[in-house]
C-alpha atoms as a PDB file:
ATOM      1  CA  MET A   1      81.980 -20.364  18.610  1.00  0.00           C
ATOM      2  CA  LEU A   2      84.325 -22.655  20.473  1.00  0.00           C
ATOM      3  CA  ASP A   3      84.761 -21.840  24.167  1.00  0.00           C
ATOM      4  CA  PRO A   4      87.998 -19.791  24.505  1.00  0.00           C
ATOM      5  CA  ASP A   5      89.189 -22.202  27.200  1.00  0.00           C
ATOM      6  CA  ALA A   6      88.769 -25.114  24.807  1.00  0.00           C
ATOM      7  CA  GLN A   7      90.657 -23.145  22.170  1.00  0.00           C
ATOM      8  CA  ARG A   8      93.456 -22.716  24.691  1.00  0.00           C
ATOM      9  CA  VAL A   9      93.627 -26.504  25.074  1.00  0.00           C
ATOM     10  CA  LEU A  10      93.907 -26.879  21.302  1.00  0.00           C
ATOM     11  CA  ASP A  11      96.677 -24.274  21.262  1.00  0.00           C
ATOM     12  CA  LEU A  12      98.561 -26.094  24.033  1.00  0.00           C
ATOM     13  CA  ILE A  13      98.303 -29.402  22.173  1.00  0.00           C
ATOM     14  CA  ARG A  14      99.610 -27.807  19.003  1.00  0.00           C
ATOM     15  CA  GLU A  15     102.433 -25.944  20.787  1.00  0.00           C
ATOM     16  CA  ALA A  16     103.488 -29.139  22.573  1.00  0.00           C
ATOM     17  CA  GLY A  17     103.709 -30.937  19.244  1.00  0.00           C
ATOM     18  CA  ARG A  18     101.666 -33.850  20.525  1.00  0.00           C
ATOM     19  CA  PRO A  19     101.210 -36.300  17.650  1.00  0.00           C
ATOM     20  CA  PRO A  20      97.688 -37.427  16.704  1.00  0.00           C
ATOM     21  CA  TYR A  21      96.676 -40.701  18.306  1.00  0.00           C
ATOM     22  CA  GLU A  22      96.294 -42.385  14.936  1.00  0.00           C
ATOM     23  CA  THR A  23     100.052 -41.971  14.337  1.00  0.00           C
ATOM     24  CA  LEU A  24     100.902 -43.813  17.570  1.00  0.00           C
ATOM     25  CA  THR A  25     100.830 -47.361  18.820  1.00  0.00           C
ATOM     26  CA  PRO A  26      98.170 -48.069  21.453  1.00  0.00           C
ATOM     27  CA  SER A  27     100.882 -48.214  24.134  1.00  0.00           C
ATOM     28  CA  GLU A  28     102.274 -44.832  23.077  1.00  0.00           C
ATOM     29  CA  ALA A  29      98.768 -43.362  22.936  1.00  0.00           C
ATOM     30  CA  ARG A  30      98.114 -44.508  26.508  1.00  0.00           C
ATOM     31  CA  ASP A  31     101.281 -42.808  27.708  1.00  0.00           C
ATOM     32  CA  PHE A  32     100.412 -39.535  25.951  1.00  0.00           C
ATOM     33  CA  TYR A  33      96.863 -39.649  27.318  1.00  0.00           C
ATOM     34  CA  ARG A  34      98.054 -40.166  30.906  1.00  0.00           C
ATOM     35  CA  ALA A  35     100.547 -37.323  30.530  1.00  0.00           C
ATOM     36  CA  GLY A  36      97.824 -35.062  29.152  1.00  0.00           C
ATOM     37  CA  ARG A  37      95.521 -35.823  32.070  1.00  0.00           C
ATOM     38  CA  ARG A  38      98.169 -34.544  34.478  1.00  0.00           C
ATOM     39  CA  ILE A  39      98.332 -31.261  32.577  1.00  0.00           C
ATOM     40  CA  LEU A  40      94.620 -30.763  31.928  1.00  0.00           C
ATOM     41  CA  GLN A  41      92.965 -32.054  35.086  1.00  0.00           C
ATOM     42  CA  PRO A  42      92.821 -30.113  38.355  1.00  0.00           C
ATOM     43  CA  ASP A  43      94.072 -31.674  41.549  1.00  0.00           C
ATOM     44  CA  PRO A  44      91.634 -34.433  42.593  1.00  0.00           C
ATOM     45  CA  PRO A  45      89.237 -33.345  45.335  1.00  0.00           C
ATOM     46  CA  GLU A  46      89.232 -35.041  48.698  1.00  0.00           C
ATOM     47  CA  VAL A  47      86.552 -37.703  49.192  1.00  0.00           C
ATOM     48  CA  ALA A  48      85.359 -39.494  52.308  1.00  0.00           C
ATOM     49  CA  GLU A  49      86.897 -42.749  51.113  1.00  0.00           C
ATOM     50  CA  SER A  50      88.710 -44.195  48.110  1.00  0.00           C
ATOM     51  CA  ARG A  51      89.731 -47.831  47.926  1.00  0.00           C
ATOM     52  CA  ASP A  52      90.697 -50.280  45.226  1.00  0.00           C
ATOM     53  CA  LEU A  53      88.795 -53.528  44.780  1.00  0.00           C
ATOM     54  CA  ARG A  54      88.735 -56.500  42.454  1.00  0.00           C
ATOM     55  CA  ALA A  55      85.656 -58.117  40.946  1.00  0.00           C
ATOM     56  CA  ALA A  56      85.884 -61.764  39.965  1.00  0.00           C
ATOM     57  CA  GLY A  57      85.320 -62.298  36.255  1.00  0.00           C
ATOM     58  CA  ALA A  58      85.351 -65.272  33.907  1.00  0.00           C
ATOM     59  CA  GLN A  59      88.445 -63.876  32.157  1.00  0.00           C
ATOM     60  CA  GLY A  60      90.206 -62.795  35.352  1.00  0.00           C
ATOM     61  CA  ASP A  61      89.705 -60.197  38.038  1.00  0.00           C
ATOM     62  CA  ILE A  62      88.514 -56.717  37.059  1.00  0.00           C
ATOM     63  CA  ALA A  63      90.060 -53.801  38.961  1.00  0.00           C
ATOM     64  CA  LEU A  64      87.603 -51.352  40.515  1.00  0.00           C
ATOM     65  CA  ARG A  65      87.933 -48.184  42.569  1.00  0.00           C
ATOM     66  CA  LEU A  66      85.212 -47.239  45.036  1.00  0.00           C
ATOM     67  CA  TYR A  67      84.674 -43.634  46.142  1.00  0.00           C
ATOM     68  CA  ARG A  68      82.352 -42.404  48.876  1.00  0.00           C
ATOM     69  CA  GLY A  69      81.402 -38.752  48.548  1.00  0.00           C
ATOM     70  CA  ILE A  70      82.632 -36.315  51.133  1.00  0.00           C
ATOM     71  CA  GLY A  71      80.022 -35.592  53.778  1.00  0.00           C
ATOM     72  CA  THR A  72      78.411 -39.024  53.551  1.00  0.00           C
ATOM     73  CA  GLU A  73      77.971 -40.811  56.859  1.00  0.00           C
ATOM     74  CA  PRO A  74      80.571 -43.478  57.689  1.00  0.00           C
ATOM     75  CA  GLY A  75      78.942 -46.877  57.468  1.00  0.00           C
ATOM     76  CA  ALA A  76      75.859 -45.516  55.693  1.00  0.00           C
ATOM     77  CA  THR A  77      74.470 -47.577  52.822  1.00  0.00           C
ATOM     78  CA  LEU A  78      74.802 -45.340  49.772  1.00  0.00           C
ATOM     79  CA  PRO A  79      73.294 -45.398  46.298  1.00  0.00           C
ATOM     80  CA  ALA A  80      75.980 -45.954  43.691  1.00  0.00           C
ATOM     81  CA  LEU A  81      77.014 -45.061  40.171  1.00  0.00           C
ATOM     82  CA  VAL A  82      79.051 -47.672  38.279  1.00  0.00           C
ATOM     83  CA  TYR A  83      81.349 -45.589  36.058  1.00  0.00           C
ATOM     84  CA  PHE A  84      83.128 -46.601  32.838  1.00  0.00           C
ATOM     85  CA  HIS A  85      85.972 -44.326  31.732  1.00  0.00           C
ATOM     86  CA  GLY A  86      86.390 -42.900  28.273  1.00  0.00           C
ATOM     87  CA  GLY A  87      89.327 -43.355  25.924  1.00  0.00           C
ATOM     88  CA  GLY A  88      88.050 -45.032  22.795  1.00  0.00           C
ATOM     89  CA  TRP A  89      88.183 -48.524  24.378  1.00  0.00           C
ATOM     90  CA  VAL A  90      91.963 -48.300  23.805  1.00  0.00           C
ATOM     91  CA  ILE A  91      93.300 -45.759  26.329  1.00  0.00           C
ATOM     92  CA  GLY A  92      92.313 -44.514  29.774  1.00  0.00           C
ATOM     93  CA  ASP A  93      92.207 -46.193  33.171  1.00  0.00           C
ATOM     94  CA  LEU A  94      91.161 -45.682  36.776  1.00  0.00           C
ATOM     95  CA  ASP A  95      93.719 -42.916  37.285  1.00  0.00           C
ATOM     96  CA  THR A  96      92.866 -40.852  34.184  1.00  0.00           C
ATOM     97  CA  HIS A  97      89.283 -40.465  35.407  1.00  0.00           C
ATOM     98  CA  ASP A  98      89.969 -40.332  39.119  1.00  0.00           C
ATOM     99  CA  GLY A  99      89.138 -36.617  39.381  1.00  0.00           C
ATOM    100  CA  VAL A 100      85.818 -36.874  37.556  1.00  0.00           C
ATOM    101  CA  CYS A 101      84.710 -39.817  39.697  1.00  0.00           C
ATOM    102  CA  ARG A 102      85.641 -37.971  42.884  1.00  0.00           C
ATOM    103  CA  LEU A 103      83.737 -34.867  41.823  1.00  0.00           C
ATOM    104  CA  ILE A 104      80.622 -36.876  40.933  1.00  0.00           C
ATOM    105  CA  ALA A 105      80.755 -38.756  44.252  1.00  0.00           C
ATOM    106  CA  ASN A 106      81.024 -35.505  46.193  1.00  0.00           C
ATOM    107  CA  SER A 107      78.413 -33.615  44.196  1.00  0.00           C
ATOM    108  CA  ALA A 108      75.892 -36.468  44.130  1.00  0.00           C
ATOM    109  CA  GLY A 109      76.484 -37.539  47.736  1.00  0.00           C
ATOM    110  CA  CYS A 110      76.762 -41.142  46.637  1.00  0.00           C
ATOM    111  CA  ALA A 111      79.283 -43.889  45.973  1.00  0.00           C
ATOM    112  CA  VAL A 112      80.985 -44.124  42.593  1.00  0.00           C
ATOM    113  CA  ILE A 113      82.665 -47.343  41.499  1.00  0.00           C
ATOM    114  CA  SER A 114      85.015 -46.945  38.554  1.00  0.00           C
ATOM    115  CA  VAL A 115      85.674 -50.001  36.363  1.00  0.00           C
ATOM    116  CA  ASP A 116      89.033 -50.820  34.743  1.00  0.00           C
ATOM    117  CA  TYR A 117      87.695 -52.914  31.860  1.00  0.00           C
ATOM    118  CA  ARG A 118      89.972 -54.670  29.378  1.00  0.00           C
ATOM    119  CA  LEU A 119      91.292 -52.498  26.564  1.00  0.00           C
ATOM    120  CA  ALA A 120      91.701 -53.055  22.840  1.00  0.00           C
ATOM    121  CA  PRO A 121      93.463 -54.071  20.695  1.00  0.00           C
ATOM    122  CA  GLU A 122      94.789 -56.647  23.134  1.00  0.00           C
ATOM    123  CA  HIS A 123      91.173 -57.451  23.986  1.00  0.00           C
ATOM    124  CA  LYS A 124      88.796 -56.897  21.099  1.00  0.00           C
ATOM    125  CA  PHE A 125      85.041 -56.344  21.261  1.00  0.00           C
ATOM    126  CA  PRO A 126      83.041 -57.595  23.100  1.00  0.00           C
ATOM    127  CA  ALA A 127      85.623 -57.910  25.924  1.00  0.00           C
ATOM    128  CA  ALA A 128      84.989 -54.404  27.286  1.00  0.00           C
ATOM    129  CA  VAL A 129      81.218 -54.982  27.241  1.00  0.00           C
ATOM    130  CA  GLU A 130      81.624 -58.319  29.005  1.00  0.00           C
ATOM    131  CA  ASP A 131      83.759 -56.721  31.721  1.00  0.00           C
ATOM    132  CA  ALA A 132      81.317 -53.843  32.131  1.00  0.00           C
ATOM    133  CA  VAL A 133      78.409 -56.248  32.568  1.00  0.00           C
ATOM    134  CA  THR A 134      80.360 -58.566  34.881  1.00  0.00           C
ATOM    135  CA  ALA A 135      81.497 -55.674  37.070  1.00  0.00           C
ATOM    136  CA  THR A 136      77.989 -54.230  37.322  1.00  0.00           C
ATOM    137  CA  GLU A 137      76.512 -57.600  38.252  1.00  0.00           C
ATOM    138  CA  TRP A 138      79.285 -58.226  40.801  1.00  0.00           C
ATOM    139  CA  ILE A 139      78.749 -54.823  42.402  1.00  0.00           C
ATOM    140  CA  ALA A 140      75.003 -55.398  42.625  1.00  0.00           C
ATOM    141  CA  ALA A 141      75.543 -58.840  44.177  1.00  0.00           C
ATOM    142  CA  HIS A 142      78.030 -57.531  46.753  1.00  0.00           C
ATOM    143  CA  GLY A 143      76.190 -54.380  47.719  1.00  0.00           C
ATOM    144  CA  ALA A 144      75.972 -55.284  51.408  1.00  0.00           C
ATOM    145  CA  THR A 145      79.725 -55.773  51.782  1.00  0.00           C
ATOM    146  CA  LEU A 146      80.503 -52.684  49.664  1.00  0.00           C
ATOM    147  CA  GLY A 147      78.199 -50.442  51.679  1.00  0.00           C
ATOM    148  CA  ILE A 148      75.953 -49.634  48.731  1.00  0.00           C
ATOM    149  CA  ASP A 149      72.241 -50.002  48.085  1.00  0.00           C
ATOM    150  CA  SER A 150      71.906 -52.324  45.090  1.00  0.00           C
ATOM    151  CA  SER A 151      68.304 -51.185  44.587  1.00  0.00           C
ATOM    152  CA  ARG A 152      69.615 -47.678  43.833  1.00  0.00           C
ATOM    153  CA  LEU A 153      72.247 -48.448  41.243  1.00  0.00           C
ATOM    154  CA  ALA A 154      73.102 -46.411  38.136  1.00  0.00           C
ATOM    155  CA  VAL A 155      75.560 -46.833  35.278  1.00  0.00           C
ATOM    156  CA  GLY A 156      77.405 -44.082  33.490  1.00  0.00           C
ATOM    157  CA  GLY A 157      80.488 -43.043  31.611  1.00  0.00           C
ATOM    158  CA  ASP A 158      82.014 -40.641  29.132  1.00  0.00           C
ATOM    159  CA  SER A 159      82.619 -41.291  25.429  1.00  0.00           C
ATOM    160  CA  ALA A 160      83.528 -44.992  25.116  1.00  0.00           C
ATOM    161  CA  GLY A 161      82.386 -45.323  28.720  1.00  0.00           C
ATOM    162  CA  GLY A 162      79.016 -43.842  27.815  1.00  0.00           C
ATOM    163  CA  ASN A 163      78.785 -46.420  25.058  1.00  0.00           C
ATOM    164  CA  LEU A 164      79.475 -49.197  27.573  1.00  0.00           C
ATOM    165  CA  ALA A 165      76.953 -47.787  30.051  1.00  0.00           C
ATOM    166  CA  ALA A 166      74.256 -47.771  27.375  1.00  0.00           C
ATOM    167  CA  ALA A 167      75.090 -51.377  26.436  1.00  0.00           C
ATOM    168  CA  VAL A 168      75.026 -52.480  30.088  1.00  0.00           C
ATOM    169  CA  ALA A 169      71.611 -50.853  30.557  1.00  0.00           C
ATOM    170  CA  LEU A 170      70.252 -52.763  27.550  1.00  0.00           C
ATOM    171  CA  ILE A 171      71.712 -56.078  28.701  1.00  0.00           C
ATOM    172  CA  ALA A 172      70.488 -55.604  32.282  1.00  0.00           C
ATOM    173  CA  ARG A 173      67.000 -54.864  30.978  1.00  0.00           C
ATOM    174  CA  ASP A 174      66.981 -57.989  28.853  1.00  0.00           C
ATOM    175  CA  ARG A 175      68.298 -60.181  31.671  1.00  0.00           C
ATOM    176  CA  GLY A 176      65.981 -58.636  34.236  1.00  0.00           C
ATOM    177  CA  ALA A 177      68.873 -57.853  36.586  1.00  0.00           C
ATOM    178  CA  PRO A 178      70.367 -55.866  38.035  1.00  0.00           C
ATOM    179  CA  ARG A 179      67.518 -53.386  38.046  1.00  0.00           C
ATOM    180  CA  LEU A 180      69.171 -50.090  37.189  1.00  0.00           C
ATOM    181  CA  ALA A 181      67.724 -46.787  38.316  1.00  0.00           C
ATOM    182  CA  PHE A 182      69.537 -44.412  35.949  1.00  0.00           C
ATOM    183  CA  GLN A 183      72.054 -44.067  33.112  1.00  0.00           C
ATOM    184  CA  LEU A 184      74.493 -41.172  32.744  1.00  0.00           C
ATOM    185  CA  LEU A 185      75.697 -40.891  29.146  1.00  0.00           C
ATOM    186  CA  LEU A 186      78.358 -38.218  28.629  1.00  0.00           C
ATOM    187  CA  TYR A 187      79.104 -37.529  24.949  1.00  0.00           C
ATOM    188  CA  PRO A 188      78.540 -41.238  24.223  1.00  0.00           C
ATOM    189  CA  ALA A 189      79.446 -43.151  21.089  1.00  0.00           C
ATOM    190  CA  THR A 190      76.258 -44.902  19.970  1.00  0.00           C
ATOM    191  CA  ASP A 191      76.571 -45.802  16.278  1.00  0.00           C
ATOM    192  CA  PHE A 192      79.477 -47.299  14.333  1.00  0.00           C
ATOM    193  CA  VAL A 193      77.295 -47.894  11.276  1.00  0.00           C
ATOM    194  CA  THR A 194      77.596 -44.235  10.283  1.00  0.00           C
ATOM    195  CA  SER A 195      81.309 -43.955  11.115  1.00  0.00           C
ATOM    196  CA  ASP A 196      82.364 -43.962   7.449  1.00  0.00           C
ATOM    197  CA  ASP A 197      79.634 -41.577   6.281  1.00  0.00           C
ATOM    198  CA  PRO A 198      81.411 -39.079   3.977  1.00  0.00           C
ATOM    199  CA  GLN A 199      78.967 -36.361   5.105  1.00  0.00           C
ATOM    200  CA  ARG A 200      80.002 -36.728   8.745  1.00  0.00           C
ATOM    201  CA  GLU A 201      81.515 -33.586  10.268  1.00  0.00           C
ATOM    202  CA  ARG A 202      85.245 -34.244  10.525  1.00  0.00           C
ATOM    203  CA  PHE A 203      86.452 -31.797  13.218  1.00  0.00           C
ATOM    204  CA  GLU A 204      90.015 -31.799  11.970  1.00  0.00           C
ATOM    205  CA  GLY A 205      92.485 -30.427  14.486  1.00  0.00           C
ATOM    206  CA  PHE A 206      90.463 -31.505  17.518  1.00  0.00           C
ATOM    207  CA  PRO A 207      91.602 -34.238  19.931  1.00  0.00           C
ATOM    208  CA  LEU A 208      88.710 -36.362  18.695  1.00  0.00           C
ATOM    209  CA  ASN A 209      87.985 -36.164  14.980  1.00  0.00           C
ATOM    210  CA  VAL A 210      86.709 -38.657  12.441  1.00  0.00           C
ATOM    211  CA  VAL A 211      90.160 -40.053  11.641  1.00  0.00           C
ATOM    212  CA  THR A 212      90.988 -40.552  15.315  1.00  0.00           C
ATOM    213  CA  MET A 213      87.582 -42.027  16.072  1.00  0.00           C
ATOM    214  CA  ASN A 214      87.986 -44.567  13.299  1.00  0.00           C
ATOM    215  CA  TRP A 215      91.475 -45.447  14.608  1.00  0.00           C
ATOM    216  CA  PHE A 216      89.826 -46.283  17.932  1.00  0.00           C
ATOM    217  CA  ARG A 217      87.064 -48.179  16.130  1.00  0.00           C
ATOM    218  CA  ASP A 218      89.476 -50.300  14.131  1.00  0.00           C
ATOM    219  CA  HIS A 219      91.427 -51.244  17.253  1.00  0.00           C
ATOM    220  CA  TYR A 220      88.262 -52.038  19.209  1.00  0.00           C
ATOM    221  CA  LEU A 221      86.045 -53.924  16.782  1.00  0.00           C
ATOM    222  CA  ARG A 222      86.910 -57.181  15.046  1.00  0.00           C
ATOM    223  CA  GLY A 223      85.752 -55.875  11.686  1.00  0.00           C
ATOM    224  CA  ALA A 224      82.882 -54.232   9.836  1.00  0.00           C
ATOM    225  CA  GLY A 225      80.639 -57.114  10.865  1.00  0.00           C
ATOM    226  CA  ASP A 226      80.588 -55.678  14.391  1.00  0.00           C
ATOM    227  CA  TYR A 227      79.429 -52.181  13.371  1.00  0.00           C
ATOM    228  CA  ALA A 228      75.706 -52.949  13.616  1.00  0.00           C
ATOM    229  CA  ASP A 229      75.937 -55.142  16.730  1.00  0.00           C
ATOM    230  CA  TRP A 230      73.852 -53.186  19.240  1.00  0.00           C
ATOM    231  CA  ARG A 231      76.344 -54.008  22.007  1.00  0.00           C
ATOM    232  CA  ALA A 232      78.779 -51.808  20.042  1.00  0.00           C
ATOM    233  CA  SER A 233      76.161 -49.483  18.547  1.00  0.00           C
ATOM    234  CA  PRO A 234      73.321 -49.063  21.087  1.00  0.00           C
ATOM    235  CA  LEU A 235      71.500 -46.839  18.607  1.00  0.00           C
ATOM    236  CA  ARG A 236      70.951 -49.999  16.537  1.00  0.00           C
ATOM    237  CA  ALA A 237      69.148 -51.832  19.344  1.00  0.00           C
ATOM    238  CA  PRO A 238      65.704 -52.730  17.967  1.00  0.00           C
ATOM    239  CA  ASN A 239      63.854 -51.712  21.122  1.00  0.00           C
ATOM    240  CA  LEU A 240      64.784 -49.111  23.752  1.00  0.00           C
ATOM    241  CA  ARG A 241      61.642 -49.495  25.836  1.00  0.00           C
ATOM    242  CA  GLY A 242      61.963 -50.269  29.514  1.00  0.00           C
ATOM    243  CA  LEU A 243      65.399 -48.710  29.937  1.00  0.00           C
ATOM    244  CA  PRO A 244      66.205 -46.604  33.015  1.00  0.00           C
ATOM    245  CA  PRO A 245      65.882 -42.802  32.869  1.00  0.00           C
ATOM    246  CA  ALA A 246      68.841 -41.075  31.256  1.00  0.00           C
ATOM    247  CA  TYR A 247      70.869 -37.897  31.283  1.00  0.00           C
ATOM    248  CA  VAL A 248      72.583 -37.475  27.904  1.00  0.00           C
ATOM    249  CA  LEU A 249      75.267 -34.832  27.439  1.00  0.00           C
ATOM    250  CA  THR A 250      76.480 -33.825  23.991  1.00  0.00           C
ATOM    251  CA  VAL A 251      78.864 -31.104  22.816  1.00  0.00           C
ATOM    252  CA  GLY A 252      79.033 -29.067  19.635  1.00  0.00           C
ATOM    253  CA  PHE A 253      82.619 -29.781  18.563  1.00  0.00           C
ATOM    254  CA  ASP A 254      82.456 -33.555  18.467  1.00  0.00           C
ATOM    255  CA  PRO A 255      82.003 -36.114  15.658  1.00  0.00           C
ATOM    256  CA  LEU A 256      79.741 -38.043  18.068  1.00  0.00           C
ATOM    257  CA  HIS A 257      77.275 -35.247  18.809  1.00  0.00           C
ATOM    258  CA  ALA A 258      74.648 -36.204  16.229  1.00  0.00           C
ATOM    259  CA  GLU A 259      74.490 -39.869  17.261  1.00  0.00           C
ATOM    260  CA  GLY A 260      74.343 -38.895  20.943  1.00  0.00           C
ATOM    261  CA  ALA A 261      71.434 -36.556  20.280  1.00  0.00           C
ATOM    262  CA  LEU A 262      69.700 -39.201  18.177  1.00  0.00           C
ATOM    263  CA  TYR A 263      70.084 -41.755  20.966  1.00  0.00           C
ATOM    264  CA  ALA A 264      68.476 -39.321  23.397  1.00  0.00           C
ATOM    265  CA  ARG A 265      65.616 -38.831  20.953  1.00  0.00           C
ATOM    266  CA  ARG A 266      65.119 -42.562  20.440  1.00  0.00           C
ATOM    267  CA  LEU A 267      65.053 -43.105  24.203  1.00  0.00           C
ATOM    268  CA  ARG A 268      62.410 -40.411  24.566  1.00  0.00           C
ATOM    269  CA  GLU A 269      60.351 -41.877  21.714  1.00  0.00           C
ATOM    270  CA  ALA A 270      60.520 -45.251  23.503  1.00  0.00           C
ATOM    271  CA  GLY A 271      58.964 -43.715  26.599  1.00  0.00           C
ATOM    272  CA  VAL A 272      62.196 -43.401  28.596  1.00  0.00           C
ATOM    273  CA  PRO A 273      62.494 -40.202  30.667  1.00  0.00           C
ATOM    274  CA  VAL A 274      65.462 -38.290  29.236  1.00  0.00           C
ATOM    275  CA  ARG A 275      67.219 -35.032  29.865  1.00  0.00           C
ATOM    276  CA  HIS A 276      69.407 -34.086  26.929  1.00  0.00           C
ATOM    277  CA  ARG A 277      71.921 -31.346  27.678  1.00  0.00           C
ATOM    278  CA  HIS A 278      73.869 -29.879  24.760  1.00  0.00           C
ATOM    279  CA  PHE A 279      76.952 -27.720  25.358  1.00  0.00           C
ATOM    280  CA  GLU A 280      77.340 -26.235  21.906  1.00  0.00           C
ATOM    281  CA  ARG A 281      80.599 -24.351  22.608  1.00  0.00           C
ATOM    282  CA  GLN A 282      82.483 -27.313  24.081  1.00  0.00           C
ATOM    283  CA  MET A 283      84.569 -30.064  22.523  1.00  0.00           C
ATOM    284  CA  HIS A 284      84.692 -33.767  23.153  1.00  0.00           C
ATOM    285  CA  GLY A 285      86.539 -34.652  26.341  1.00  0.00           C
ATOM    286  CA  PHE A 286      86.146 -31.296  28.066  1.00  0.00           C
ATOM    287  CA  LEU A 287      84.922 -32.792  31.338  1.00  0.00           C
ATOM    288  CA  THR A 288      88.426 -34.123  32.056  1.00  0.00           C
ATOM    289  CA  MET A 289      90.098 -30.805  31.188  1.00  0.00           C
ATOM    290  CA  GLY A 290      88.962 -28.810  34.199  1.00  0.00           C
ATOM    291  CA  LYS A 291      92.351 -27.248  34.941  1.00  0.00           C
ATOM    292  CA  ILE A 292      92.025 -25.252  31.717  1.00  0.00           C
ATOM    293  CA  ILE A 293      88.317 -25.362  30.800  1.00  0.00           C
ATOM    294  CA  ALA A 294      86.343 -23.603  33.529  1.00  0.00           C
ATOM    295  CA  ALA A 295      83.031 -24.999  32.288  1.00  0.00           C
ATOM    296  CA  ALA A 296      84.098 -28.579  33.063  1.00  0.00           C
ATOM    297  CA  ARG A 297      83.382 -28.440  36.799  1.00  0.00           C
ATOM    298  CA  PRO A 298      79.850 -26.961  36.653  1.00  0.00           C
ATOM    299  CA  ALA A 299      78.952 -29.311  33.807  1.00  0.00           C
ATOM    300  CA  THR A 300      80.137 -32.311  35.824  1.00  0.00           C
ATOM    301  CA  GLU A 301      78.280 -31.035  38.873  1.00  0.00           C
ATOM    302  CA  GLU A 302      75.113 -30.681  36.805  1.00  0.00           C
ATOM    303  CA  ALA A 303      75.446 -34.272  35.615  1.00  0.00           C
ATOM    304  CA  ALA A 304      76.043 -35.372  39.212  1.00  0.00           C
ATOM    305  CA  ALA A 305      72.917 -33.500  40.283  1.00  0.00           C
ATOM    306  CA  ALA A 306      70.945 -35.608  37.812  1.00  0.00           C
ATOM    307  CA  VAL A 307      72.426 -38.757  39.388  1.00  0.00           C
ATOM    308  CA  LYS A 308      71.542 -37.453  42.848  1.00  0.00           C
ATOM    309  CA  ALA A 309      67.956 -36.690  41.871  1.00  0.00           C
ATOM    310  CA  ALA A 310      67.534 -40.195  40.445  1.00  0.00           C
ATOM    311  CA  LEU A 311      69.169 -42.132  43.284  1.00  0.00           C
ATOM    312  CA  LEU A 312      68.607 -40.182  46.491  1.00  0.00           C
ATOM    313  CA  VAL A 313      64.889 -40.909  46.770  1.00  0.00           C
END
């Protein structure tokens, strides 16, 4: 059964007459998403510090936002989570995921650095991956000036952001740097190859369903030739050995749940320490719906506890 709070969100969406994303232009979808965040997210918690930064990239500067968890010592060198927001690589930004990043920073007692990577369709794959990698490398290289410990660095994200975090972990492993300590994958997309499988659960009526997911896919990727590229589909990476430990969260009402669970299993089979947490009564995106869905806060705090256990050693 769907969590009654999640059902309330579905009822609110229906009563508001919000059109499905696939009927909108990307610009319109971004506006609707931002408006929905204001309705569904609780007021952002206070943190010890929040400041905007810019990382130099080959295609221009990448906007970042650094949070230091409340209760951390001023001037202390903190472990850090580099966070990539969700939104199907098309929508979402630093503000839409501000509350989640603040809560993780406070609960984990660490720094969180959110990355405003380039969005599709203006910037097709692999632009978002390139920005995610560039930002992570820049953060690791500037740890001393940022007040973070680059030897205790994690990557994470939700949905499309979880996909990017998984890709960054693979690329960092292959390059030998930065050495990542953990990956936080929250209902991640991991496999475009199966996106047109007629047997795939469709989840019609939910904010993320197969039709919507494929609308995001078609804006993000350059064509079917990108589906099996492991930078887009980490599940298709030939070798997952040597990756950092992972916390993988999946939910029951989500077209991505099977591929997320399979990625967790493949990591475990490759010898990577994994905790897979499945919230069977929740729907995709619930972590950013904490004003309505009571389970969002404890679930985020549990994920943050996993980050804390991995980084605060």
